[in-house]
Amino acid sequence: MTSIKDVAAAAGLSVATVSRVLNDHPSVSADARARVLAAVEALGYRPNAVARSLRTDQTRTLGLVISDVLNPYFTALARSVEEEARSLGYSVVIGNADERPDLQDHHVRTLLDRRIDGLLVSPTDGGSPLMLDAARAGTPMVFVDRWIPGVDVPVVRSDGRAAVRDLVAHLHGLGHRRLAIIAGPAATTTGRERVEAFREALAAYGLALPADYVGQGDFQAESGRRVTEGFLALAEPPEVVFAADNLMALGALDAIRARGLRVPGDIGLAAFDDIPWFVHTDPPVTAIAQPTGELGRAAVRALVDRVEGRPGASVTLPARLVVRRSCGEDADHAAGRPSPLAQSPVRRSTP
């Protein structure tokens, strides 16, 4: 098996110089760096990561625990995290919590036992003692998308309140007054925040959010289907259903179609967390888009700052409304142009 001594001999340099090149030390000359890299390539040398971690107390590995790997939003987030980490010289080990606090803590514990340098987590709930203990012990950690109030670590997330206000203004302009929401889990910050933002946006137009128009989901498709079935069974169903994430929106669409109803002719549908599929549904779904790639990259940079001894900063990025045709918009409106529907509502009901 090729060793670092073999690389040094092939390059005609000392083992210490080879080590500095492999660890990207700035004091190495360009000529020495080129000779070492040429020898590494010729010999097929691969550094022993385990041995190096024992010497440096670093593994150059980050842990990422995401809430649901089947959710396209988190899949895209994980991809951007992995790409940014790789560009900074780190590998990423991913754990899927599947929206289960016990599975989340299992992955966190396993990653910590494997001596990762830092941890990115999108918490499934706000009551994990393990997460609190890890933060207090000084584990470099960053929360991404969701966070646990009271845990003093950087948070990288999007702010959807303005986008939710834009959505409600858009729906109001289309003439809709009976607006319902499929909420995410109340144990998550995003679950609570999106309902609060929706309620506040409705209040600005003098609209209430009756208890019958708030359905408790869990950020998974089956709950979106179940809640929407309940909405459709009401004596006065909502005119538009706003799903607080993309999977619940797909479940809502299934429930609507199972009843033989049409979107948007019979009921409108909007979603938080835009995904590529929404362009291809019939009709394309109006949605709130988060800057997923930017969030993943910012989260990695904040975590690497902490790992390397620099203060990591929290980052908040704006979400935005993407108007399509699932709420009664015409082609001009969906293309972003002023719509006559704003002046001639498609349907009206008493606030």
Protein backbone atom coordinates (compact mmCIF):
# COMPACT_ATOMS: atom_id res chain seq x y z
CA MET A 1 0.00 0.00 0.00
CA THR A 2 1.46 3.35 -1.02
CA SER A 3 2.56 5.50 1.93
CA ILE A 4 3.39 9.14 2.39
CA LYS A 5 7.08 8.16 2.46
CA ASP A 6 6.72 6.69 -1.05
CA VAL A 7 5.20 9.99 -2.25
CA ALA A 8 8.06 11.94 -0.65
CA ALA A 9 10.66 9.73 -2.32
CA ALA A 10 8.98 10.02 -5.74
CA ALA A 11 8.74 13.80 -5.43
CA GLY A 12 12.27 14.18 -4.06
CA LEU A 13 10.99 16.09 -1.04
CA SER A 14 10.69 15.55 2.70
CA VAL A 15 7.71 13.81 4.32
CA ALA A 16 6.98 17.09 6.14
CA THR A 17 6.70 18.98 2.84
CA VAL A 18 4.38 16.33 1.39
CA SER A 19 2.25 16.55 4.53
CA ARG A 20 1.99 20.32 4.19
CA VAL A 21 0.87 20.00 0.56
CA LEU A 22 -1.76 17.39 1.43
CA ASN A 23 -3.09 19.62 4.20
CA ASP A 24 -3.13 22.67 1.89
CA HIS A 25 -0.63 24.63 3.96
CA PRO A 26 0.06 28.08 2.44
CA SER A 27 3.84 27.99 3.07
CA VAL A 28 4.56 25.44 0.31
CA SER A 29 6.09 26.68 -2.95
CA ALA A 30 4.25 26.20 -6.24
CA ASP A 31 7.03 23.93 -7.53
CA ALA A 32 6.91 21.66 -4.47
CA ARG A 33 3.12 21.50 -4.61
CA ALA A 34 3.20 20.50 -8.29
CA ARG A 35 5.82 17.77 -7.65
CA VAL A 36 3.84 16.32 -4.75
CA LEU A 37 0.56 16.30 -6.65
CA ALA A 38 2.24 14.66 -9.64
CA ALA A 39 3.67 11.94 -7.38
CA VAL A 40 0.30 11.43 -5.70
CA GLU A 41 -1.35 10.97 -9.09
CA ALA A 42 1.35 8.66 -10.43
CA LEU A 43 1.35 6.42 -7.34
CA GLY A 44 -2.41 6.51 -6.76
CA TYR A 45 -1.82 7.60 -3.16
CA ARG A 46 -4.84 8.16 -0.92
CA PRO A 47 -4.34 9.69 2.54
CA ASN A 48 -5.50 7.60 5.49
CA ALA A 49 -8.37 9.73 6.75
CA VAL A 50 -8.69 7.80 10.02
CA ALA A 51 -5.02 8.16 10.89
CA ARG A 52 -5.05 11.83 9.93
CA SER A 53 -8.09 12.49 12.12
CA LEU A 54 -6.30 10.96 15.11
CA ARG A 55 -3.32 13.26 14.54
CA THR A 56 -5.26 16.45 13.86
CA ASP A 57 -8.47 15.74 15.81
CA GLN A 58 -10.35 16.55 12.59
CA THR A 59 -12.04 14.24 10.10
CA ARG A 60 -12.94 16.88 7.48
CA THR A 61 -16.45 15.43 7.69
CA LEU A 62 -19.72 17.21 8.40
CA GLY A 63 -22.98 15.61 9.48
CA LEU A 64 -26.34 16.59 8.01
CA VAL A 65 -29.61 15.42 9.57
CA ILE A 66 -32.57 16.33 7.39
CA SER A 67 -36.24 15.96 8.23
CA ASP A 68 -37.38 13.89 5.25
CA VAL A 69 -35.18 12.74 2.36
CA LEU A 70 -38.30 12.03 0.25
CA ASN A 71 -39.32 15.70 0.42
CA PRO A 72 -37.92 17.35 -2.74
CA TYR A 73 -37.12 20.51 -0.77
CA PHE A 74 -34.79 18.63 1.60
CA THR A 75 -33.33 16.59 -1.26
CA ALA A 76 -32.33 19.82 -3.02
CA LEU A 77 -31.05 21.25 0.27
CA ALA A 78 -28.87 18.18 0.87
CA ARG A 79 -27.43 18.44 -2.63
CA SER A 80 -26.42 22.09 -2.16
CA VAL A 81 -24.90 21.25 1.25
CA GLU A 82 -22.83 18.43 -0.23
CA GLU A 83 -21.62 20.56 -3.15
CA GLU A 84 -20.59 23.49 -0.97
CA ALA A 85 -18.90 21.24 1.60
CA ARG A 86 -16.92 19.50 -1.13
CA SER A 87 -15.75 22.83 -2.50
CA LEU A 88 -14.39 23.66 0.97
CA GLY A 89 -12.63 20.31 1.39
CA TYR A 90 -15.23 18.53 3.53
CA SER A 91 -17.30 15.39 3.05
CA VAL A 92 -20.91 15.06 4.25
CA VAL A 93 -22.64 12.14 5.97
CA ILE A 94 -26.45 12.38 5.75
CA GLY A 95 -29.06 11.02 8.14
CA ASN A 96 -32.78 10.98 7.31
CA ALA A 97 -35.03 11.64 10.34
CA ASP A 98 -38.24 10.86 8.41
CA GLU A 99 -39.98 13.52 10.56
CA ARG A 100 -39.38 11.34 13.66
CA PRO A 101 -37.68 12.87 16.74
CA ASP A 102 -36.36 9.46 17.88
CA LEU A 103 -34.75 8.78 14.51
CA GLN A 104 -33.35 12.30 14.42
CA ASP A 105 -31.61 11.76 17.77
CA HIS A 106 -30.33 8.37 16.63
CA HIS A 107 -28.60 9.99 13.66
CA VAL A 108 -27.22 12.85 15.74
CA ARG A 109 -25.79 10.43 18.30
CA THR A 110 -24.27 8.23 15.60
CA LEU A 111 -22.67 11.16 13.80
CA LEU A 112 -21.18 12.53 17.00
CA ASP A 113 -19.79 9.09 17.86
CA ARG A 114 -18.10 9.02 14.46
CA ARG A 115 -16.15 12.19 15.25
CA ILE A 116 -17.66 14.50 12.64
CA ASP A 117 -16.24 18.02 12.77
CA GLY A 118 -19.62 19.77 12.76
CA LEU A 119 -23.34 19.15 12.53
CA LEU A 120 -26.11 20.62 10.38
CA VAL A 121 -29.63 19.81 11.58
CA SER A 122 -33.16 20.61 10.45
CA PRO A 123 -34.93 19.68 13.72
CA THR A 124 -38.09 17.59 13.64
CA ASP A 125 -39.23 19.12 16.94
CA GLY A 126 -38.13 21.58 19.59
CA GLY A 127 -37.65 19.24 22.53
CA SER A 128 -34.46 17.26 21.90
CA PRO A 129 -32.27 17.14 25.05
CA LEU A 130 -29.52 15.56 22.97
CA MET A 131 -29.32 18.61 20.68
CA LEU A 132 -29.23 20.94 23.66
CA ASP A 133 -26.50 18.90 25.34
CA ALA A 134 -24.42 18.82 22.14
CA ALA A 135 -24.67 22.60 21.77
CA ARG A 136 -23.71 23.16 25.42
CA ALA A 137 -20.74 20.81 25.00
CA GLY A 138 -19.39 23.07 22.27
CA THR A 139 -20.14 20.87 19.25
CA PRO A 140 -19.97 23.10 16.15
CA MET A 141 -23.59 23.12 15.03
CA VAL A 142 -25.91 25.07 12.72
CA PHE A 143 -29.67 24.76 12.34
CA VAL A 144 -30.96 24.96 8.77
CA ASP A 145 -34.56 25.67 7.71
CA ARG A 146 -35.93 24.91 11.20
CA TRP A 147 -34.48 25.68 14.59
CA ILE A 148 -34.92 25.05 18.32
CA PRO A 149 -35.68 28.23 20.28
CA GLY A 150 -33.31 28.75 23.17
CA VAL A 151 -30.41 26.77 21.67
CA ASP A 152 -27.60 29.23 21.02
CA VAL A 153 -26.34 28.17 17.58
CA PRO A 154 -26.52 29.94 14.21
CA VAL A 155 -29.75 29.50 12.24
CA VAL A 156 -29.85 29.59 8.43
CA ARG A 157 -33.41 29.85 7.15
CA SER A 158 -35.77 31.67 4.85
CA ASP A 159 -38.36 34.19 5.97
CA GLY A 160 -41.67 33.34 4.36
CA ARG A 161 -43.85 35.95 6.06
CA ALA A 162 -43.63 38.51 3.27
CA ALA A 163 -44.27 35.82 0.66
CA VAL A 164 -47.33 34.58 2.59
CA ARG A 165 -48.62 38.17 2.69
CA ASP A 166 -48.07 38.36 -1.06
CA LEU A 167 -49.99 35.12 -1.52
CA VAL A 168 -52.96 36.29 0.52
CA ALA A 169 -52.99 39.64 -1.32
CA HIS A 170 -52.90 37.73 -4.60
CA LEU A 171 -55.80 35.47 -3.58
CA HIS A 172 -57.79 38.42 -2.26
CA GLY A 173 -57.27 40.21 -5.56
CA LEU A 174 -58.68 37.17 -7.36
CA GLY A 175 -61.82 37.46 -5.25
CA HIS A 176 -61.22 34.58 -2.86
CA ARG A 177 -62.36 35.04 0.74
CA ARG A 178 -62.67 31.55 2.23
CA LEU A 179 -59.04 30.50 2.62
CA ALA A 180 -57.90 27.40 4.53
CA ILE A 181 -54.47 26.08 5.51
CA ILE A 182 -52.99 22.62 5.93
CA ALA A 183 -50.57 23.34 8.76
CA GLY A 184 -47.28 21.62 9.49
CA PRO A 185 -46.51 20.10 12.90
CA ALA A 186 -46.95 22.57 15.74
CA ALA A 187 -43.76 21.14 17.31
CA THR A 188 -41.69 22.65 14.46
CA THR A 189 -40.85 26.32 14.10
CA THR A 190 -41.81 26.33 10.42
CA GLY A 191 -45.12 24.63 11.21
CA ARG A 192 -46.05 27.35 13.70
CA GLU A 193 -44.60 30.25 11.74
CA ARG A 194 -46.50 29.57 8.51
CA VAL A 195 -49.87 29.36 10.26
CA GLU A 196 -49.16 32.57 12.18
CA ALA A 197 -48.09 34.36 8.99
CA PHE A 198 -51.22 33.17 7.17
CA ARG A 199 -53.50 34.27 10.02
CA GLU A 200 -51.85 37.70 10.21
CA ALA A 201 -52.06 38.17 6.43
CA LEU A 202 -55.78 37.33 6.45
CA ALA A 203 -56.40 39.73 9.35
CA ALA A 204 -54.90 42.56 7.29
CA TYR A 205 -57.85 42.10 4.90
CA GLY A 206 -60.40 41.70 7.67
CA LEU A 207 -60.65 37.96 7.07
CA ALA A 208 -60.84 35.40 9.85
CA LEU A 209 -59.25 31.95 9.94
CA PRO A 210 -61.94 29.72 11.46
CA ALA A 211 -60.86 26.58 13.32
CA ASP A 212 -62.55 24.49 10.61
CA TYR A 213 -60.19 26.04 8.07
CA VAL A 214 -57.01 24.98 9.93
CA GLY A 215 -56.09 21.33 9.41
CA GLN A 216 -53.18 19.72 11.24
CA GLY A 217 -50.74 17.98 8.93
CA ASP A 218 -47.26 16.52 9.37
CA PHE A 219 -45.40 17.72 6.24
CA GLN A 220 -46.18 14.43 4.46
CA ALA A 221 -48.59 13.69 1.62
CA GLU A 222 -51.05 11.47 3.47
CA SER A 223 -51.83 14.21 5.98
CA GLY A 224 -52.50 16.65 3.13
CA ARG A 225 -54.97 14.18 1.65
CA ARG A 226 -56.71 13.58 4.98
CA VAL A 227 -57.02 17.26 5.89
CA THR A 228 -58.32 18.22 2.45
CA GLU A 229 -60.97 15.51 2.60
CA GLY A 230 -62.14 17.17 5.82
CA PHE A 231 -62.25 20.59 4.17
CA LEU A 232 -64.27 19.26 1.24
CA ALA A 233 -66.80 17.67 3.60
CA LEU A 234 -67.63 21.02 5.26
CA ALA A 235 -71.01 22.63 4.63
CA GLU A 236 -69.09 25.62 3.25
CA PRO A 237 -65.76 24.37 1.91
CA PRO A 238 -62.88 26.81 1.41
CA GLU A 239 -62.34 28.44 -1.97
CA VAL A 240 -58.58 27.93 -1.75
CA VAL A 241 -56.46 25.46 0.24
CA PHE A 242 -52.95 26.61 1.15
CA ALA A 243 -50.67 23.67 1.98
CA ALA A 244 -47.74 24.57 4.23
CA ASP A 245 -45.37 22.32 2.30
CA ASN A 246 -45.12 20.64 -1.09
CA LEU A 247 -45.86 17.03 -0.08
CA MET A 248 -49.05 18.05 1.72
CA ALA A 249 -50.02 20.00 -1.43
CA LEU A 250 -49.65 16.84 -3.53
CA GLY A 251 -51.82 14.97 -1.02
CA ALA A 252 -54.41 17.76 -1.25
CA LEU A 253 -54.41 17.48 -5.04
CA ASP A 254 -55.05 13.74 -4.77
CA ALA A 255 -58.02 14.33 -2.43
CA ILE A 256 -59.53 16.96 -4.73
CA ARG A 257 -59.28 14.76 -7.80
CA ALA A 258 -60.62 11.73 -5.92
CA ARG A 259 -63.83 13.70 -5.35
CA GLY A 260 -64.11 14.40 -9.07
CA LEU A 261 -63.38 18.10 -8.52
CA ARG A 262 -61.19 20.35 -10.63
CA VAL A 263 -58.40 22.77 -9.72
CA PRO A 264 -59.02 25.69 -9.90
CA GLY A 265 -62.57 25.47 -11.29
CA ASP A 266 -64.02 23.96 -8.10
CA ILE A 267 -61.32 24.81 -5.55
CA GLY A 268 -57.96 26.57 -5.66
CA LEU A 269 -54.65 25.17 -4.36
CA ALA A 270 -51.43 26.91 -3.32
CA ALA A 271 -48.34 25.59 -1.58
CA PHE A 272 -45.33 26.58 0.47
CA ASP A 273 -42.04 25.12 -0.90
CA ASP A 274 -42.01 25.25 -4.68
CA ILE A 275 -40.73 22.14 -6.46
CA PRO A 276 -39.99 21.38 -10.14
CA TRP A 277 -43.02 19.08 -10.34
CA PHE A 278 -45.42 21.99 -9.81
CA VAL A 279 -44.67 23.31 -13.29
CA HIS A 280 -45.83 20.01 -14.80
CA THR A 281 -49.07 19.48 -12.88
CA ASP A 282 -52.35 20.42 -14.55
CA PRO A 283 -52.76 23.23 -13.75
CA PRO A 284 -49.29 24.37 -12.62
CA VAL A 285 -49.36 25.15 -8.91
CA THR A 286 -48.98 28.65 -7.45
CA ALA A 287 -46.34 28.31 -4.73
CA ILE A 288 -43.95 30.05 -2.38
CA ALA A 289 -40.34 29.30 -3.33
CA GLN A 290 -37.49 29.20 -0.86
CA PRO A 291 -33.90 29.91 -2.01
CA THR A 292 -32.94 26.31 -1.31
CA GLY A 293 -29.51 26.28 -2.89
CA GLU A 294 -28.47 29.51 -1.20
CA LEU A 295 -29.69 28.20 2.16
CA GLY A 296 -27.62 25.03 1.86
CA ARG A 297 -24.48 26.90 0.85
CA ALA A 298 -24.88 29.51 3.58
CA ALA A 299 -25.44 26.80 6.19
CA VAL A 300 -22.21 25.02 5.23
CA ARG A 301 -20.21 28.25 5.32
CA ALA A 302 -21.59 29.11 8.75
CA LEU A 303 -20.74 25.63 10.05
CA VAL A 304 -17.23 25.58 8.57
CA ASP A 305 -16.61 28.96 10.19
CA ARG A 306 -17.46 27.42 13.55
CA VAL A 307 -15.39 24.30 12.90
CA GLU A 308 -12.37 26.39 11.96
CA GLY A 309 -12.64 28.69 14.97
CA ARG A 310 -14.45 31.63 13.43
CA PRO A 311 -17.83 32.91 14.65
CA GLY A 312 -20.60 31.53 12.47
CA ALA A 313 -23.42 33.95 11.71
CA SER A 314 -27.14 33.34 11.35
CA VAL A 315 -28.55 34.02 7.88
CA THR A 316 -32.14 34.80 6.88
CA LEU A 317 -33.08 34.90 3.19
CA PRO A 318 -36.43 35.94 1.68
CA ALA A 319 -38.86 33.49 0.10
CA ARG A 320 -40.91 34.62 -2.91
CA LEU A 321 -44.32 34.00 -4.43
CA VAL A 322 -44.40 32.20 -7.80
CA VAL A 323 -47.76 32.77 -9.50
CA ARG A 324 -49.05 30.05 -11.81
CA ARG A 325 -52.63 28.90 -12.54
CA SER A 326 -53.96 26.80 -9.65
CA CYS A 327 -55.96 29.55 -7.93
CA GLY A 328 -57.99 30.91 -10.84
CA GLU A 329 -55.31 33.05 -12.46
CA ASP A 330 -55.51 33.72 -16.18
CA ALA A 331 -52.49 33.36 -18.47
CA ASP A 332 -51.50 37.04 -18.14
CA HIS A 333 -51.60 36.88 -14.36
CA ALA A 334 -49.60 33.66 -14.23
CA ALA A 335 -46.98 35.26 -16.46
CA GLY A 336 -46.58 38.09 -13.97
CA ARG A 337 -48.57 40.69 -15.89
CA PRO A 338 -51.52 42.64 -14.44
CA SER A 339 -54.65 40.54 -14.57
CA PRO A 340 -58.22 41.67 -15.15
CA LEU A 341 -59.19 39.09 -12.52
CA ALA A 342 -57.88 41.48 -9.88
CA GLN A 343 -60.62 43.93 -10.93
CA SER A 344 -63.23 41.30 -11.88
CA PRO A 345 -63.15 38.60 -9.20
CA VAL A 346 -63.87 35.07 -10.33
CA ARG A 347 -65.95 34.42 -7.24
CA ARG A 348 -67.09 36.35 -4.22
CA SER A 349 -68.38 35.44 -0.81
CA THR A 350 -69.05 37.35 2.35
CA PRO A 351 -65.88 37.97 4.41
